[in-house]
C-alpha atoms as a PDB file:
ATOM      1  CA  MET A   1       0.000   0.000   0.000  1.00  0.00           C
ATOM      2  CA  ASP A   2       2.794   2.385   0.854  1.00  0.00           C
ATOM      3  CA  LYS A   3       4.528   1.609  -2.421  1.00  0.00           C
ATOM      4  CA  ASP A   4       1.353   2.407  -4.426  1.00  0.00           C
ATOM      5  CA  SER A   5       0.913   5.772  -2.721  1.00  0.00           C
ATOM      6  CA  ASN A   6       4.531   6.688  -3.551  1.00  0.00           C
ATOM      7  CA  VAL A   7       4.000   5.808  -7.203  1.00  0.00           C
ATOM      8  CA  GLN A   8       0.765   7.813  -7.328  1.00  0.00           C
ATOM      9  CA  SER A   9       2.448  10.777  -5.603  1.00  0.00           C
ATOM     10  CA  SER A  10       5.377  10.754  -8.035  1.00  0.00           C
ATOM     11  CA  ASN A  11       2.967  10.523 -10.996  1.00  0.00           C
ATOM     12  CA  THR A  12       1.047  13.544  -9.682  1.00  0.00           C
ATOM     13  CA  LEU A  13       4.249  15.527  -9.236  1.00  0.00           C
ATOM     14  CA  GLY A  14       5.363  14.474 -12.703  1.00  0.00           C
ATOM     15  CA  THR A  15       2.077  15.623 -14.227  1.00  0.00           C
ATOM     16  CA  ILE A  16       2.223  18.971 -12.417  1.00  0.00           C
ATOM     17  CA  GLY A  17       5.828  19.364 -13.513  1.00  0.00           C
ATOM     18  CA  GLN A  18       4.891  18.623 -17.111  1.00  0.00           C
ATOM     19  CA  ILE A  19       2.053  21.158 -17.028  1.00  0.00           C
ATOM     20  CA  PHE A  20       4.281  23.817 -15.453  1.00  0.00           C
ATOM     21  CA  GLY A  21       7.069  23.046 -17.912  1.00  0.00           C
ATOM     22  CA  ARG A  22       4.689  23.284 -20.852  1.00  0.00           C
ATOM     23  CA  PHE A  23       3.415  26.627 -19.518  1.00  0.00           C
ATOM     24  CA  ILE A  24       6.970  28.030 -19.281  1.00  0.00           C
ATOM     25  CA  VAL A  25       7.837  26.823 -22.783  1.00  0.00           C
ATOM     26  CA  ALA A  26       4.545  28.200 -24.149  1.00  0.00           C
ATOM     27  CA  ALA A  27       5.232  31.602 -22.553  1.00  0.00           C
ATOM     28  CA  ILE A  28       8.748  31.757 -24.023  1.00  0.00           C
ATOM     29  CA  ILE A  29       7.582  30.694 -27.474  1.00  0.00           C
ATOM     30  CA  LEU A  30       4.630  33.086 -27.346  1.00  0.00           C
ATOM     31  CA  GLY A  31       6.863  36.014 -26.359  1.00  0.00           C
ATOM     32  CA  ILE A  32       9.305  35.286 -29.181  1.00  0.00           C
ATOM     33  CA  THR A  33       6.442  34.849 -31.644  1.00  0.00           C
ATOM     34  CA  ALA A  34       4.824  38.166 -30.657  1.00  0.00           C
ATOM     35  CA  PHE A  35       8.194  39.922 -30.997  1.00  0.00           C
ATOM     36  CA  PHE A  36       8.768  38.684 -34.554  1.00  0.00           C
ATOM     37  CA  THR A  37       5.175  38.888 -35.856  1.00  0.00           C
ATOM     38  CA  PRO A  38       3.845  42.199 -37.189  1.00  0.00           C
ATOM     39  CA  GLY A  39       0.272  42.836 -36.019  1.00  0.00           C
ATOM     40  CA  PHE A  40       0.716  40.736 -32.860  1.00  0.00           C
ATOM     41  CA  SER A  41       1.245  42.505 -29.554  1.00  0.00           C
ATOM     42  CA  ILE A  42       1.358  41.522 -25.916  1.00  0.00           C
ATOM     43  CA  ASN A  43       1.475  44.569 -23.640  1.00  0.00           C
ATOM     44  CA  ASN A  44       3.091  43.197 -20.483  1.00  0.00           C
ATOM     45  CA  ILE A  45       4.412  40.141 -18.688  1.00  0.00           C
ATOM     46  CA  TRP A  46       1.051  39.446 -17.018  1.00  0.00           C
ATOM     47  CA  ALA A  47      -0.740  39.400 -20.356  1.00  0.00           C
ATOM     48  CA  LEU A  48       1.981  37.053 -21.650  1.00  0.00           C
ATOM     49  CA  ALA A  49       1.570  34.730 -18.658  1.00  0.00           C
ATOM     50  CA  LEU A  50      -2.229  34.724 -18.904  1.00  0.00           C
ATOM     51  CA  ALA A  51      -2.092  34.165 -22.676  1.00  0.00           C
ATOM     52  CA  ALA A  52       0.263  31.207 -22.160  1.00  0.00           C
ATOM     53  CA  ILE A  53      -2.182  29.754 -19.633  1.00  0.00           C
ATOM     54  CA  VAL A  54      -5.136  30.285 -21.970  1.00  0.00           C
ATOM     55  CA  LEU A  55      -3.276  28.727 -24.923  1.00  0.00           C
ATOM     56  CA  THR A  56      -2.173  25.761 -22.800  1.00  0.00           C
ATOM     57  CA  VAL A  57      -5.735  25.182 -21.534  1.00  0.00           C
ATOM     58  CA  MET A  58      -7.239  25.552 -25.020  1.00  0.00           C
ATOM     59  CA  ASP A  59      -4.687  23.111 -26.446  1.00  0.00           C
ATOM     60  CA  TYR A  60      -5.394  20.669 -23.610  1.00  0.00           C
ATOM     61  CA  LEU A  61      -9.158  20.873 -24.202  1.00  0.00           C
ATOM     62  CA  ILE A  62      -8.754  20.417 -27.959  1.00  0.00           C
ATOM     63  CA  VAL A  63      -6.577  17.340 -27.420  1.00  0.00           C
ATOM     64  CA  LYS A  64      -8.921  15.986 -24.728  1.00  0.00           C
ATOM     65  CA  PHE A  65     -12.093  16.286 -26.798  1.00  0.00           C
ATOM     66  CA  THR A  66     -10.836  15.775 -30.357  1.00  0.00           C
ATOM     67  CA  GLY A  67      -7.483  14.020 -30.066  1.00  0.00           C
ATOM     68  CA  LEU A  68      -5.997  16.691 -32.360  1.00  0.00           C
ATOM     69  CA  GLU A  69      -3.112  18.907 -31.303  1.00  0.00           C
ATOM     70  CA  ALA A  70      -2.969  22.601 -32.165  1.00  0.00           C
ATOM     71  CA  ILE A  71       0.631  22.530 -33.348  1.00  0.00           C
ATOM     72  CA  ALA A  72       1.541  24.065 -36.669  1.00  0.00           C
ATOM     73  CA  PHE A  73       4.199  21.504 -37.599  1.00  0.00           C
ATOM     74  CA  GLY A  74       3.959  17.762 -37.316  1.00  0.00           C
ATOM     75  CA  LYS A  75       0.169  17.654 -37.395  1.00  0.00           C
ATOM     76  CA  GLY A  76      -0.429  18.897 -40.919  1.00  0.00           C
ATOM     77  CA  PHE A  77      -3.024  21.347 -42.130  1.00  0.00           C
ATOM     78  CA  VAL A  78      -5.524  20.633 -39.333  1.00  0.00           C
ATOM     79  CA  GLY A  79      -2.914  21.345 -36.649  1.00  0.00           C
ATOM     80  CA  PHE A  80      -1.944  24.546 -38.427  1.00  0.00           C
ATOM     81  CA  VAL A  81      -5.564  25.735 -38.648  1.00  0.00           C
ATOM     82  CA  LEU A  82      -6.158  24.894 -34.976  1.00  0.00           C
ATOM     83  CA  SER A  83      -3.008  26.812 -34.063  1.00  0.00           C
ATOM     84  CA  VAL A  84      -4.194  29.886 -35.993  1.00  0.00           C
ATOM     85  CA  ILE A  85      -7.625  29.718 -34.358  1.00  0.00           C
ATOM     86  CA  THR A  86      -6.253  29.319 -30.811  1.00  0.00           C
ATOM     87  CA  LEU A  87      -3.796  32.193 -31.269  1.00  0.00           C
ATOM     88  CA  TYR A  88      -6.602  34.396 -32.589  1.00  0.00           C
ATOM     89  CA  LEU A  89      -9.249  33.450 -30.011  1.00  0.00           C
ATOM     90  CA  THR A  90      -6.896  34.056 -27.095  1.00  0.00           C
ATOM     91  CA  GLN A  91      -7.315  37.811 -27.563  1.00  0.00           C
ATOM     92  CA  TYR A  92     -10.923  37.506 -26.388  1.00  0.00           C
ATOM     93  CA  PHE A  93      -9.784  36.069 -23.042  1.00  0.00           C
ATOM     94  CA  VAL A  94      -6.691  38.183 -22.332  1.00  0.00           C
ATOM     95  CA  ALA A  95      -6.530  41.957 -21.945  1.00  0.00           C
ATOM     96  CA  GLY A  96      -3.331  43.374 -23.426  1.00  0.00           C
ATOM     97  CA  TYR A  97      -3.127  40.673 -26.123  1.00  0.00           C
ATOM     98  CA  SER A  98      -4.101  41.619 -29.654  1.00  0.00           C
ATOM     99  CA  ILE A  99      -3.631  39.852 -32.956  1.00  0.00           C
ATOM    100  CA  SER A 100      -5.059  40.121 -36.461  1.00  0.00           C
ATOM    101  CA  TRP A 101      -6.005  37.144 -38.637  1.00  0.00           C
ATOM    102  CA  MET A 102      -2.947  37.630 -40.835  1.00  0.00           C
ATOM    103  CA  ALA A 103      -0.719  37.908 -37.771  1.00  0.00           C
ATOM    104  CA  ALA A 104      -2.310  34.713 -36.397  1.00  0.00           C
ATOM    105  CA  ILE A 105      -1.384  32.911 -39.611  1.00  0.00           C
ATOM    106  CA  ILE A 106       2.192  34.218 -39.587  1.00  0.00           C
ATOM    107  CA  GLY A 107       2.427  33.770 -35.816  1.00  0.00           C
ATOM    108  CA  SER A 108       1.275  30.169 -36.086  1.00  0.00           C
ATOM    109  CA  LEU A 109       4.101  29.436 -38.493  1.00  0.00           C
ATOM    110  CA  ILE A 110       6.659  31.152 -36.261  1.00  0.00           C
ATOM    111  CA  TYR A 111       5.238  29.470 -33.133  1.00  0.00           C
ATOM    112  CA  GLY A 112       5.434  26.080 -34.849  1.00  0.00           C
ATOM    113  CA  VAL A 113       9.041  26.574 -35.954  1.00  0.00           C
ATOM    114  CA  ILE A 114      10.165  27.752 -32.510  1.00  0.00           C
ATOM    115  CA  ASP A 115       8.227  24.973 -30.769  1.00  0.00           C
ATOM    116  CA  TYR A 116       9.908  22.452 -33.059  1.00  0.00           C
ATOM    117  CA  ILE A 117      13.397  23.893 -32.468  1.00  0.00           C
ATOM    118  CA  LEU A 118      13.241  24.298 -28.678  1.00  0.00           C
ATOM    119  CA  PRO A 119      14.260  21.214 -26.733  1.00  0.00           C
ATOM    120  CA  GLY A 120      11.516  19.435 -24.886  1.00  0.00           C
ATOM    121  CA  GLU A 121       8.901  16.797 -25.429  1.00  0.00           C
ATOM    122  CA  GLN A 122       8.695  16.222 -29.171  1.00  0.00           C
ATOM    123  CA  ASN A 123       5.527  14.730 -30.561  1.00  0.00           C
ATOM    124  CA  PRO A 124       6.060  12.218 -33.382  1.00  0.00           C
END
């Protein structure tokens, strides 16, 4: 019994660590993407943090309910479209975050390239 509780505890910590790690990576990638994408602005660090949370939650919900990931590269056209939509819709949940449709398209490409380049969990 003690052994099972240790395994469950380490799995919980691992899951929390993965979520926190994904949030940090998403915030870094999002900041870089906003910097290089014309028509995409994030006003402050709090808007960046909240946008990273919103994007992470939206991606989680999309994966949970559809099995599709909103990643521009590695998931084909559907992943690219989902990435554009999630980047665009985030502006309705986060004050200080604004993006146009064209910037969402360009930003999705940049986000996908940076996400692919940065070390971390790579999805086949």
